[in-house]
PDB file of N, CA and C in Angstrom:
ATOM      1  N   UNK A   1       1.878  -3.404 -28.181  1.00  0.00           N
ATOM      2  CA  UNK A   1       1.024  -2.477 -27.594  1.00  0.00           C
ATOM      3  C   UNK A   1       0.421  -1.495 -28.576  1.00  0.00           C
ATOM      4  N   UNK A   2       0.952  -1.437 -29.785  1.00  0.00           N
ATOM      5  CA  UNK A   2       0.255  -0.701 -30.834  1.00  0.00           C
ATOM      6  C   UNK A   2      -1.066  -1.282 -31.134  1.00  0.00           C
ATOM      7  N   UNK A   3      -1.124  -2.527 -31.138  1.00  0.00           N
ATOM      8  CA  UNK A   3      -2.476  -3.224 -31.528  1.00  0.00           C
ATOM      9  C   UNK A   3      -3.464  -2.781 -30.499  1.00  0.00           C
ATOM     10  N   UNK A   4      -3.126  -2.751 -29.146  1.00  0.00           N
ATOM     11  CA  UNK A   4      -4.100  -2.350 -28.218  1.00  0.00           C
ATOM     12  C   UNK A   4      -4.561  -0.921 -28.357  1.00  0.00           C
ATOM     13  N   UNK A   5      -3.594  -0.014 -28.714  1.00  0.00           N
ATOM     14  CA  UNK A   5      -3.968   1.363 -28.911  1.00  0.00           C
ATOM     15  C   UNK A   5      -4.923   1.480 -30.082  1.00  0.00           C
ATOM     16  N   UNK A   6      -4.733   0.644 -31.115  1.00  0.00           N
ATOM     17  CA  UNK A   6      -5.685   0.632 -32.233  1.00  0.00           C
ATOM     18  C   UNK A   6      -7.101   0.215 -31.759  1.00  0.00           C
ATOM     19  N   UNK A   7      -7.184  -0.629 -30.858  1.00  0.00           N
ATOM     20  CA  UNK A   7      -8.527  -0.988 -30.351  1.00  0.00           C
ATOM     21  C   UNK A   7      -9.282   0.167 -29.770  1.00  0.00           C
ATOM     22  N   UNK A   8      -8.608   1.120 -29.204  1.00  0.00           N
ATOM     23  CA  UNK A   8      -9.247   2.305 -28.602  1.00  0.00           C
ATOM     24  C   UNK A   8     -10.092   3.056 -29.699  1.00  0.00           C
ATOM     25  N   UNK A   9      -9.614   2.901 -30.932  1.00  0.00           N
ATOM     26  CA  UNK A   9     -10.328   3.619 -32.000  1.00  0.00           C
ATOM     27  C   UNK A   9     -11.491   2.877 -32.546  1.00  0.00           C
ATOM     28  N   UNK A  10     -11.798   1.674 -32.208  1.00  0.00           N
ATOM     29  CA  UNK A  10     -12.827   0.908 -32.722  1.00  0.00           C
ATOM     30  C   UNK A  10     -14.131   1.381 -32.236  1.00  0.00           C
ATOM     31  N   UNK A  11     -15.097   1.628 -33.081  1.00  0.00           N
ATOM     32  CA  UNK A  11     -16.465   2.057 -32.792  1.00  0.00           C
ATOM     33  C   UNK A  11     -17.410   1.008 -32.739  1.00  0.00           C
ATOM     34  N   UNK A  12     -18.644   1.182 -32.278  1.00  0.00           N
ATOM     35  CA  UNK A  12     -19.676   0.146 -32.127  1.00  0.00           C
ATOM     36  C   UNK A  12     -19.803  -0.459 -33.523  1.00  0.00           C
ATOM     37  N   UNK A  13     -20.053  -1.762 -33.467  1.00  0.00           N
ATOM     38  CA  UNK A  13     -20.125  -2.532 -34.780  1.00  0.00           C
ATOM     39  C   UNK A  13     -18.934  -2.620 -35.658  1.00  0.00           C
ATOM     40  N   UNK A  14     -17.678  -2.584 -34.919  1.00  0.00           N
ATOM     41  CA  UNK A  14     -16.365  -2.561 -35.618  1.00  0.00           C
ATOM     42  C   UNK A  14     -16.202  -3.765 -36.395  1.00  0.00           C
ATOM     43  N   UNK A  15     -16.822  -4.871 -36.004  1.00  0.00           N
ATOM     44  CA  UNK A  15     -16.582  -6.222 -36.595  1.00  0.00           C
ATOM     45  C   UNK A  15     -17.702  -6.630 -37.662  1.00  0.00           C
ATOM     46  N   UNK A  16     -18.688  -5.722 -37.754  1.00  0.00           N
ATOM     47  CA  UNK A  16     -19.864  -5.988 -38.697  1.00  0.00           C
ATOM     48  C   UNK A  16     -20.893  -6.822 -38.083  1.00  0.00           C
ATOM     49  N   UNK A  17     -20.695  -7.295 -36.799  1.00  0.00           N
ATOM     50  CA  UNK A  17     -21.627  -8.121 -36.106  1.00  0.00           C
ATOM     51  C   UNK A  17     -22.100  -7.485 -34.766  1.00  0.00           C
ATOM     52  N   UNK A  18     -22.020  -6.235 -34.699  1.00  0.00           N
ATOM     53  CA  UNK A  18     -22.487  -5.513 -33.484  1.00  0.00           C
ATOM     54  C   UNK A  18     -21.439  -5.411 -32.359  1.00  0.00           C
ATOM     55  N   UNK A  19     -20.187  -5.586 -32.748  1.00  0.00           N
ATOM     56  CA  UNK A  19     -19.080  -5.551 -31.799  1.00  0.00           C
ATOM     57  C   UNK A  19     -19.000  -4.299 -30.950  1.00  0.00           C
ATOM     58  N   UNK A  20     -18.896  -4.419 -29.674  1.00  0.00           N
ATOM     59  CA  UNK A  20     -18.751  -3.279 -28.791  1.00  0.00           C
ATOM     60  C   UNK A  20     -17.447  -2.597 -28.797  1.00  0.00           C
ATOM     61  N   UNK A  21     -17.406  -1.275 -28.552  1.00  0.00           N
ATOM     62  CA  UNK A  21     -16.095  -0.636 -28.574  1.00  0.00           C
ATOM     63  C   UNK A  21     -15.359  -1.023 -27.295  1.00  0.00           C
ATOM     64  N   UNK A  22     -14.050  -0.647 -27.273  1.00  0.00           N
ATOM     65  CA  UNK A  22     -13.276  -0.989 -26.117  1.00  0.00           C
ATOM     66  C   UNK A  22     -13.070   0.198 -25.225  1.00  0.00           C
ATOM     67  N   UNK A  23     -13.291  -0.014 -23.968  1.00  0.00           N
ATOM     68  CA  UNK A  23     -13.113   1.171 -22.963  1.00  0.00           C
ATOM     69  C   UNK A  23     -11.595   1.370 -22.697  1.00  0.00           C
ATOM     70  N   UNK A  24     -11.272   2.530 -22.198  1.00  0.00           N
ATOM     71  CA  UNK A  24      -9.991   2.711 -21.810  1.00  0.00           C
ATOM     72  C   UNK A  24      -9.419   1.783 -20.599  1.00  0.00           C
ATOM     73  N   UNK A  25     -10.471   1.468 -19.872  1.00  0.00           N
ATOM     74  CA  UNK A  25     -10.215   0.594 -18.723  1.00  0.00           C
ATOM     75  C   UNK A  25      -9.783  -0.795 -19.188  1.00  0.00           C
ATOM     76  N   UNK A  26     -10.428  -1.408 -20.225  1.00  0.00           N
ATOM     77  CA  UNK A  26     -10.128  -2.668 -20.822  1.00  0.00           C
ATOM     78  C   UNK A  26      -8.612  -2.653 -21.377  1.00  0.00           C
ATOM     79  N   UNK A  27      -8.343  -1.543 -22.145  1.00  0.00           N
ATOM     80  CA  UNK A  27      -7.077  -1.463 -22.703  1.00  0.00           C
ATOM     81  C   UNK A  27      -5.961  -1.299 -21.582  1.00  0.00           C
ATOM     82  N   UNK A  28      -6.203  -0.480 -20.597  1.00  0.00           N
ATOM     83  CA  UNK A  28      -5.241  -0.281 -19.538  1.00  0.00           C
ATOM     84  C   UNK A  28      -5.099  -1.590 -18.715  1.00  0.00           C
ATOM     85  N   UNK A  29      -6.194  -2.271 -18.418  1.00  0.00           N
ATOM     86  CA  UNK A  29      -6.122  -3.571 -17.760  1.00  0.00           C
ATOM     87  C   UNK A  29      -5.280  -4.526 -18.514  1.00  0.00           C
ATOM     88  N   UNK A  30      -5.491  -4.577 -19.812  1.00  0.00           N
ATOM     89  CA  UNK A  30      -4.730  -5.493 -20.718  1.00  0.00           C
ATOM     90  C   UNK A  30      -3.258  -5.241 -20.691  1.00  0.00           C
ATOM     91  N   UNK A  31      -2.885  -3.909 -20.763  1.00  0.00           N
ATOM     92  CA  UNK A  31      -1.592  -3.501 -20.726  1.00  0.00           C
ATOM     93  C   UNK A  31      -0.934  -3.917 -19.307  1.00  0.00           C
ATOM     94  N   UNK A  32      -1.667  -3.776 -18.327  1.00  0.00           N
ATOM     95  CA  UNK A  32      -1.131  -4.218 -16.971  1.00  0.00           C
ATOM     96  C   UNK A  32      -0.775  -5.609 -16.963  1.00  0.00           C
ATOM     97  N   UNK A  33      -1.598  -6.503 -17.481  1.00  0.00           N
ATOM     98  CA  UNK A  33      -1.353  -7.916 -17.527  1.00  0.00           C
ATOM     99  C   UNK A  33      -0.144  -8.209 -18.430  1.00  0.00           C
ATOM    100  N   UNK A  34      -0.067  -7.635 -19.594  1.00  0.00           N
ATOM    101  CA  UNK A  34       1.029  -7.921 -20.561  1.00  0.00           C
ATOM    102  C   UNK A  34       2.350  -7.437 -19.883  1.00  0.00           C
ATOM    103  N   UNK A  35       2.359  -6.201 -19.356  1.00  0.00           N
ATOM    104  CA  UNK A  35       3.530  -5.703 -18.682  1.00  0.00           C
ATOM    105  C   UNK A  35       3.998  -6.410 -17.459  1.00  0.00           C
ATOM    106  N   UNK A  36       3.074  -7.325 -16.832  1.00  0.00           N
ATOM    107  CA  UNK A  36       3.360  -7.985 -15.673  1.00  0.00           C
ATOM    108  C   UNK A  36       4.200  -9.228 -15.857  1.00  0.00           C
ATOM    109  N   UNK A  37       4.263  -9.621 -17.068  1.00  0.00           N
ATOM    110  CA  UNK A  37       4.931 -10.911 -17.392  1.00  0.00           C
ATOM    111  C   UNK A  37       5.725 -10.801 -18.729  1.00  0.00           C
ATOM    112  N   UNK A  38       6.901 -11.466 -18.792  1.00  0.00           N
ATOM    113  CA  UNK A  38       7.765 -11.290 -19.904  1.00  0.00           C
ATOM    114  C   UNK A  38       7.349 -12.007 -21.234  1.00  0.00           C
ATOM    115  N   UNK A  39       6.557 -12.993 -21.061  1.00  0.00           N
ATOM    116  CA  UNK A  39       6.001 -13.800 -22.291  1.00  0.00           C
ATOM    117  C   UNK A  39       4.937 -12.902 -22.899  1.00  0.00           C
ATOM    118  N   UNK A  40       5.098 -12.682 -24.195  1.00  0.00           N
ATOM    119  CA  UNK A  40       4.136 -11.945 -24.981  1.00  0.00           C
ATOM    120  C   UNK A  40       3.066 -12.870 -25.606  1.00  0.00           C
ATOM    121  N   UNK A  41       1.834 -12.435 -25.327  1.00  0.00           N
ATOM    122  CA  UNK A  41       0.680 -13.314 -25.782  1.00  0.00           C
ATOM    123  C   UNK A  41       0.249 -13.026 -27.212  1.00  0.00           C
ATOM    124  N   UNK A  42      -0.562 -13.874 -27.730  1.00  0.00           N
ATOM    125  CA  UNK A  42      -1.371 -13.603 -28.940  1.00  0.00           C
ATOM    126  C   UNK A  42      -2.521 -12.784 -28.446  1.00  0.00           C
ATOM    127  N   UNK A  43      -2.776 -11.543 -29.003  1.00  0.00           N
ATOM    128  CA  UNK A  43      -3.814 -10.635 -28.580  1.00  0.00           C
ATOM    129  C   UNK A  43      -4.987 -10.598 -29.563  1.00  0.00           C
ATOM    130  N   UNK A  44      -6.234 -10.723 -29.118  1.00  0.00           N
ATOM    131  CA  UNK A  44      -7.367 -10.754 -29.964  1.00  0.00           C
ATOM    132  C   UNK A  44      -8.432  -9.893 -29.351  1.00  0.00           C
ATOM    133  N   UNK A  45      -9.195  -9.076 -30.151  1.00  0.00           N
ATOM    134  CA  UNK A  45     -10.323  -8.376 -29.657  1.00  0.00           C
ATOM    135  C   UNK A  45     -11.560  -9.343 -29.617  1.00  0.00           C
ATOM    136  N   UNK A  46     -12.545  -9.155 -28.740  1.00  0.00           N
ATOM    137  CA  UNK A  46     -13.756  -9.892 -28.851  1.00  0.00           C
ATOM    138  C   UNK A  46     -14.861  -8.877 -29.131  1.00  0.00           C
ATOM    139  N   UNK A  47     -15.965  -9.372 -29.495  1.00  0.00           N
ATOM    140  CA  UNK A  47     -17.198  -8.624 -29.923  1.00  0.00           C
ATOM    141  C   UNK A  47     -17.794  -8.023 -28.641  1.00  0.00           C
ATOM    142  N   UNK A  48     -17.411  -8.490 -27.495  1.00  0.00           N
ATOM    143  CA  UNK A  48     -18.004  -8.123 -26.186  1.00  0.00           C
ATOM    144  C   UNK A  48     -17.354  -6.788 -25.620  1.00  0.00           C
ATOM    145  N   UNK A  49     -16.308  -6.379 -26.403  1.00  0.00           N
ATOM    146  CA  UNK A  49     -15.573  -5.207 -25.860  1.00  0.00           C
ATOM    147  C   UNK A  49     -14.519  -5.571 -24.874  1.00  0.00           C
ATOM    148  N   UNK A  50     -14.119  -6.855 -24.932  1.00  0.00           N
ATOM    149  CA  UNK A  50     -13.115  -7.326 -24.084  1.00  0.00           C
ATOM    150  C   UNK A  50     -11.926  -7.774 -24.869  1.00  0.00           C
ATOM    151  N   UNK A  51     -10.716  -8.034 -24.341  1.00  0.00           N
ATOM    152  CA  UNK A  51      -9.571  -8.479 -25.039  1.00  0.00           C
ATOM    153  C   UNK A  51      -9.124  -9.818 -24.478  1.00  0.00           C
ATOM    154  N   UNK A  52      -8.818 -10.678 -25.457  1.00  0.00           N
ATOM    155  CA  UNK A  52      -8.393 -12.081 -25.099  1.00  0.00           C
ATOM    156  C   UNK A  52      -6.848 -12.187 -25.372  1.00  0.00           C
ATOM    157  N   UNK A  53      -6.124 -12.761 -24.359  1.00  0.00           N
ATOM    158  CA  UNK A  53      -4.745 -12.995 -24.421  1.00  0.00           C
ATOM    159  C   UNK A  53      -4.602 -14.517 -24.423  1.00  0.00           C
ATOM    160  N   UNK A  54      -3.792 -15.016 -25.368  1.00  0.00           N
ATOM    161  CA  UNK A  54      -3.566 -16.544 -25.389  1.00  0.00           C
ATOM    162  C   UNK A  54      -2.093 -16.762 -25.318  1.00  0.00           C
ATOM    163  N   UNK A  55      -1.835 -17.696 -24.441  1.00  0.00           N
ATOM    164  CA  UNK A  55      -0.398 -18.063 -24.362  1.00  0.00           C
ATOM    165  C   UNK A  55      -0.350 -19.575 -24.604  1.00  0.00           C
ATOM    166  N   UNK A  56       0.602 -20.147 -25.437  1.00  0.00           N
ATOM    167  CA  UNK A  56       0.624 -21.501 -25.802  1.00  0.00           C
ATOM    168  C   UNK A  56       2.025 -21.983 -25.502  1.00  0.00           C
ATOM    169  N   UNK A  57       2.134 -23.195 -25.108  1.00  0.00           N
ATOM    170  CA  UNK A  57       3.447 -23.915 -24.813  1.00  0.00           C
ATOM    171  C   UNK A  57       3.130 -25.429 -24.942  1.00  0.00           C
ATOM    172  N   UNK A  58       3.712 -25.905 -26.111  1.00  0.00           N
ATOM    173  CA  UNK A  58       3.493 -27.422 -26.456  1.00  0.00           C
ATOM    174  C   UNK A  58       2.093 -27.807 -26.377  1.00  0.00           C
ATOM    175  N   UNK A  59       1.709 -28.701 -25.532  1.00  0.00           N
ATOM    176  CA  UNK A  59       0.290 -29.183 -25.499  1.00  0.00           C
ATOM    177  C   UNK A  59      -0.564 -28.332 -24.508  1.00  0.00           C
ATOM    178  N   UNK A  60      -0.102 -27.230 -24.090  1.00  0.00           N
ATOM    179  CA  UNK A  60      -0.812 -26.356 -23.153  1.00  0.00           C
ATOM    180  C   UNK A  60      -1.198 -25.132 -23.720  1.00  0.00           C
ATOM    181  N   UNK A  61      -2.374 -24.554 -23.147  1.00  0.00           N
ATOM    182  CA  UNK A  61      -2.816 -23.212 -23.637  1.00  0.00           C
ATOM    183  C   UNK A  61      -3.517 -22.598 -22.456  1.00  0.00           C
ATOM    184  N   UNK A  62      -3.265 -21.323 -22.267  1.00  0.00           N
ATOM    185  CA  UNK A  62      -4.030 -20.548 -21.250  1.00  0.00           C
ATOM    186  C   UNK A  62      -4.555 -19.353 -21.940  1.00  0.00           C
ATOM    187  N   UNK A  63      -5.909 -19.160 -21.845  1.00  0.00           N
ATOM    188  CA  UNK A  63      -6.548 -17.974 -22.459  1.00  0.00           C
ATOM    189  C   UNK A  63      -7.067 -17.041 -21.391  1.00  0.00           C
ATOM    190  N   UNK A  64      -6.889 -15.721 -21.480  1.00  0.00           N
ATOM    191  CA  UNK A  64      -7.301 -14.898 -20.403  1.00  0.00           C
ATOM    192  C   UNK A  64      -8.193 -13.750 -21.188  1.00  0.00           C
ATOM    193  N   UNK A  65      -9.381 -13.670 -20.638  1.00  0.00           N
ATOM    194  CA  UNK A  65     -10.322 -12.611 -21.224  1.00  0.00           C
ATOM    195  C   UNK A  65     -10.426 -11.409 -20.259  1.00  0.00           C
ATOM    196  N   UNK A  66     -10.034 -10.211 -20.666  1.00  0.00           N
ATOM    197  CA  UNK A  66     -10.003  -8.997 -19.863  1.00  0.00           C
ATOM    198  C   UNK A  66     -11.142  -8.119 -20.198  1.00  0.00           C
ATOM    199  N   UNK A  67     -11.919  -7.770 -19.273  1.00  0.00           N
ATOM    200  CA  UNK A  67     -13.027  -6.796 -19.421  1.00  0.00           C
ATOM    201  C   UNK A  67     -12.962  -5.652 -18.595  1.00  0.00           C
ATOM    202  N   UNK A  68     -14.018  -4.852 -18.414  1.00  0.00           N
ATOM    203  CA  UNK A  68     -13.998  -3.673 -17.644  1.00  0.00           C
ATOM    204  C   UNK A  68     -13.731  -3.834 -16.093  1.00  0.00           C
ATOM    205  N   UNK A  69     -14.152  -5.062 -15.550  1.00  0.00           N
ATOM    206  CA  UNK A  69     -14.034  -5.158 -14.156  1.00  0.00           C
ATOM    207  C   UNK A  69     -12.662  -5.740 -13.809  1.00  0.00           C
ATOM    208  N   UNK A  70     -12.435  -5.855 -12.537  1.00  0.00           N
ATOM    209  CA  UNK A  70     -11.060  -6.354 -12.079  1.00  0.00           C
ATOM    210  C   UNK A  70     -10.904  -7.845 -11.962  1.00  0.00           C
ATOM    211  N   UNK A  71     -11.981  -8.521 -12.485  1.00  0.00           N
ATOM    212  CA  UNK A  71     -11.886 -10.073 -12.574  1.00  0.00           C
ATOM    213  C   UNK A  71     -11.774 -10.459 -14.072  1.00  0.00           C
ATOM    214  N   UNK A  72     -10.951 -11.453 -14.296  1.00  0.00           N
ATOM    215  CA  UNK A  72     -10.718 -11.898 -15.683  1.00  0.00           C
ATOM    216  C   UNK A  72     -11.201 -13.374 -15.699  1.00  0.00           C
ATOM    217  N   UNK A  73     -11.640 -13.709 -16.917  1.00  0.00           N
ATOM    218  CA  UNK A  73     -12.072 -15.095 -17.136  1.00  0.00           C
ATOM    219  C   UNK A  73     -10.841 -15.844 -17.708  1.00  0.00           C
ATOM    220  N   UNK A  74     -10.633 -17.054 -17.212  1.00  0.00           N
ATOM    221  CA  UNK A  74      -9.402 -17.820 -17.584  1.00  0.00           C
ATOM    222  C   UNK A  74      -9.817 -19.149 -18.119  1.00  0.00           C
ATOM    223  N   UNK A  75      -9.195 -19.652 -19.233  1.00  0.00           N
ATOM    224  CA  UNK A  75      -9.409 -21.068 -19.721  1.00  0.00           C
ATOM    225  C   UNK A  75      -8.098 -21.630 -19.716  1.00  0.00           C
ATOM    226  N   UNK A  76      -7.807 -22.664 -19.039  1.00  0.00           N
ATOM    227  CA  UNK A  76      -6.518 -23.526 -19.187  1.00  0.00           C
ATOM    228  C   UNK A  76      -6.775 -24.814 -19.841  1.00  0.00           C
ATOM    229  N   UNK A  77      -5.964 -25.215 -20.759  1.00  0.00           N
ATOM    230  CA  UNK A  77      -6.147 -26.473 -21.479  1.00  0.00           C
ATOM    231  C   UNK A  77      -4.743 -27.167 -21.442  1.00  0.00           C
ATOM    232  N   UNK A  78      -4.708 -28.399 -20.978  1.00  0.00           N
ATOM    233  CA  UNK A  78      -3.600 -29.195 -21.061  1.00  0.00           C
ATOM    234  C   UNK A  78      -4.034 -30.535 -21.604  1.00  0.00           C
ATOM    235  N   UNK A  79      -3.596 -30.823 -22.840  1.00  0.00           N
ATOM    236  CA  UNK A  79      -4.100 -32.031 -23.574  1.00  0.00           C
ATOM    237  C   UNK A  79      -5.599 -31.914 -23.708  1.00  0.00           C
ATOM    238  N   UNK A  80      -6.294 -32.858 -23.110  1.00  0.00           N
ATOM    239  CA  UNK A  80      -7.784 -32.827 -23.248  1.00  0.00           C
ATOM    240  C   UNK A  80      -8.541 -32.295 -21.992  1.00  0.00           C
ATOM    241  N   UNK A  81      -7.717 -31.874 -20.959  1.00  0.00           N
ATOM    242  CA  UNK A  81      -8.252 -31.399 -19.727  1.00  0.00           C
ATOM    243  C   UNK A  81      -8.470 -29.919 -19.838  1.00  0.00           C
ATOM    244  N   UNK A  82      -9.640 -29.454 -19.474  1.00  0.00           N
ATOM    245  CA  UNK A  82      -9.950 -28.035 -19.513  1.00  0.00           C
ATOM    246  C   UNK A  82     -10.402 -27.562 -18.176  1.00  0.00           C
ATOM    247  N   UNK A  83     -10.045 -26.380 -17.769  1.00  0.00           N
ATOM    248  CA  UNK A  83     -10.538 -25.694 -16.615  1.00  0.00           C
ATOM    249  C   UNK A  83     -10.883 -24.286 -16.821  1.00  0.00           C
ATOM    250  N   UNK A  84     -12.010 -23.800 -16.447  1.00  0.00           N
ATOM    251  CA  UNK A  84     -12.485 -22.409 -16.540  1.00  0.00           C
ATOM    252  C   UNK A  84     -12.585 -21.842 -15.182  1.00  0.00           C
ATOM    253  N   UNK A  85     -12.193 -20.576 -14.944  1.00  0.00           N
ATOM    254  CA  UNK A  85     -12.374 -20.020 -13.650  1.00  0.00           C
ATOM    255  C   UNK A  85     -12.108 -18.455 -13.784  1.00  0.00           C
ATOM    256  N   UNK A  86     -12.535 -17.807 -12.772  1.00  0.00           N
ATOM    257  CA  UNK A  86     -12.304 -16.349 -12.685  1.00  0.00           C
ATOM    258  C   UNK A  86     -11.131 -16.024 -11.774  1.00  0.00           C
ATOM    259  N   UNK A  87     -10.425 -15.056 -12.010  1.00  0.00           N
ATOM    260  CA  UNK A  87      -9.279 -14.625 -11.297  1.00  0.00           C
ATOM    261  C   UNK A  87      -9.191 -13.136 -11.233  1.00  0.00           C
ATOM    262  N   UNK A  88      -8.735 -12.607 -10.050  1.00  0.00           N
ATOM    263  CA  UNK A  88      -8.514 -11.137  -9.851  1.00  0.00           C
ATOM    264  C   UNK A  88      -7.341 -10.663 -10.874  1.00  0.00           C
ATOM    265  N   UNK A  89      -7.528  -9.609 -11.475  1.00  0.00           N
ATOM    266  CA  UNK A  89      -6.528  -9.149 -12.419  1.00  0.00           C
ATOM    267  C   UNK A  89      -5.131  -9.023 -11.804  1.00  0.00           C
ATOM    268  N   UNK A  90      -5.053  -8.652 -10.501  1.00  0.00           N
ATOM    269  CA  UNK A  90      -3.724  -8.535 -10.012  1.00  0.00           C
ATOM    270  C   UNK A  90      -2.967  -9.866  -9.747  1.00  0.00           C
ATOM    271  N   UNK A  91      -3.778 -10.935  -9.885  1.00  0.00           N
ATOM    272  CA  UNK A  91      -3.203 -12.280  -9.613  1.00  0.00           C
ATOM    273  C   UNK A  91      -2.922 -13.078 -10.904  1.00  0.00           C
ATOM    274  N   UNK A  92      -3.359 -12.483 -12.035  1.00  0.00           N
ATOM    275  CA  UNK A  92      -3.237 -13.285 -13.319  1.00  0.00           C
ATOM    276  C   UNK A  92      -1.807 -13.458 -13.804  1.00  0.00           C
ATOM    277  N   UNK A  93      -0.895 -12.495 -13.455  1.00  0.00           N
ATOM    278  CA  UNK A  93       0.443 -12.768 -13.818  1.00  0.00           C
ATOM    279  C   UNK A  93       1.026 -13.962 -13.220  1.00  0.00           C
ATOM    280  N   UNK A  94       0.670 -14.182 -11.876  1.00  0.00           N
ATOM    281  CA  UNK A  94       1.018 -15.383 -11.163  1.00  0.00           C
ATOM    282  C   UNK A  94       0.527 -16.727 -11.862  1.00  0.00           C
ATOM    283  N   UNK A  95      -0.638 -16.652 -12.287  1.00  0.00           N
ATOM    284  CA  UNK A  95      -1.184 -17.807 -13.000  1.00  0.00           C
ATOM    285  C   UNK A  95      -0.457 -18.082 -14.317  1.00  0.00           C
ATOM    286  N   UNK A  96      -0.101 -17.061 -15.026  1.00  0.00           N
ATOM    287  CA  UNK A  96       0.612 -17.273 -16.287  1.00  0.00           C
ATOM    288  C   UNK A  96       1.990 -17.738 -16.031  1.00  0.00           C
ATOM    289  N   UNK A  97       2.612 -17.144 -14.887  1.00  0.00           N
ATOM    290  CA  UNK A  97       3.917 -17.666 -14.537  1.00  0.00           C
ATOM    291  C   UNK A  97       3.960 -19.179 -14.175  1.00  0.00           C
ATOM    292  N   UNK A  98       2.945 -19.507 -13.321  1.00  0.00           N
ATOM    293  CA  UNK A  98       2.761 -20.995 -13.064  1.00  0.00           C
ATOM    294  C   UNK A  98       2.503 -21.785 -14.112  1.00  0.00           C
ATOM    295  N   UNK A  99       1.709 -21.351 -15.174  1.00  0.00           N
ATOM    296  CA  UNK A  99       1.461 -22.062 -16.374  1.00  0.00           C
ATOM    297  C   UNK A  99       2.768 -22.426 -17.126  1.00  0.00           C
ATOM    298  N   UNK A 100       3.670 -21.511 -17.234  1.00  0.00           N
ATOM    299  CA  UNK A 100       4.891 -21.738 -17.923  1.00  0.00           C
ATOM    300  C   UNK A 100       5.972 -22.522 -17.116  1.00  0.00           C
ATOM    301  N   UNK A 101       5.933 -22.322 -15.793  1.00  0.00           N
ATOM    302  CA  UNK A 101       6.971 -22.913 -14.955  1.00  0.00           C
ATOM    303  C   UNK A 101       6.706 -24.124 -14.155  1.00  0.00           C
ATOM    304  N   UNK A 102       5.367 -24.362 -13.871  1.00  0.00           N
ATOM    305  CA  UNK A 102       5.097 -25.486 -12.980  1.00  0.00           C
ATOM    306  C   UNK A 102       4.067 -26.384 -13.632  1.00  0.00           C
ATOM    307  N   UNK A 103       3.836 -26.145 -14.912  1.00  0.00           N
ATOM    308  CA  UNK A 103       2.808 -27.088 -15.537  1.00  0.00           C
ATOM    309  C   UNK A 103       1.437 -26.460 -15.717  1.00  0.00           C
ATOM    310  N   UNK A 104       0.910 -26.099 -14.595  1.00  0.00           N
ATOM    311  CA  UNK A 104      -0.458 -25.506 -14.656  1.00  0.00           C
ATOM    312  C   UNK A 104      -1.106 -25.655 -13.270  1.00  0.00           C
ATOM    313  N   UNK A 105      -2.171 -24.954 -13.088  1.00  0.00           N
ATOM    314  CA  UNK A 105      -2.977 -25.060 -11.830  1.00  0.00           C
ATOM    315  C   UNK A 105      -4.115 -26.073 -12.024  1.00  0.00           C
ATOM    316  N   UNK A 106      -4.284 -26.771 -13.190  1.00  0.00           N
ATOM    317  CA  UNK A 106      -5.253 -27.749 -13.381  1.00  0.00           C
ATOM    318  C   UNK A 106      -5.021 -28.919 -12.477  1.00  0.00           C
ATOM    319  N   UNK A 107      -6.071 -29.344 -11.876  1.00  0.00           N
ATOM    320  CA  UNK A 107      -6.052 -30.474 -10.882  1.00  0.00           C
ATOM    321  C   UNK A 107      -7.006 -31.596 -11.316  1.00  0.00           C
TER     322      UNK A 107
END
């Protein structure tokens, strides 16, 4: 969580490529997702002012991009199969749980 708090201090162009600062809403939404699930993700800032969470397990990966709105962008990868979709922030913990416990929602 310290890493997320550090993102609050990032100013415009923090990455040298015009990176946008992170709103309190993005940080709070990210904390909500992380605290909703016991698996700790790899956390990365994006230049769009959003935060990406990555969870990996063997040949599987799920990446979640959290921005200011209540919808998050999700990318699931199992082997060579990829699926991108949007999900409501209050449902993303269920997706992550499914990812680790039932294989994935990829069809």
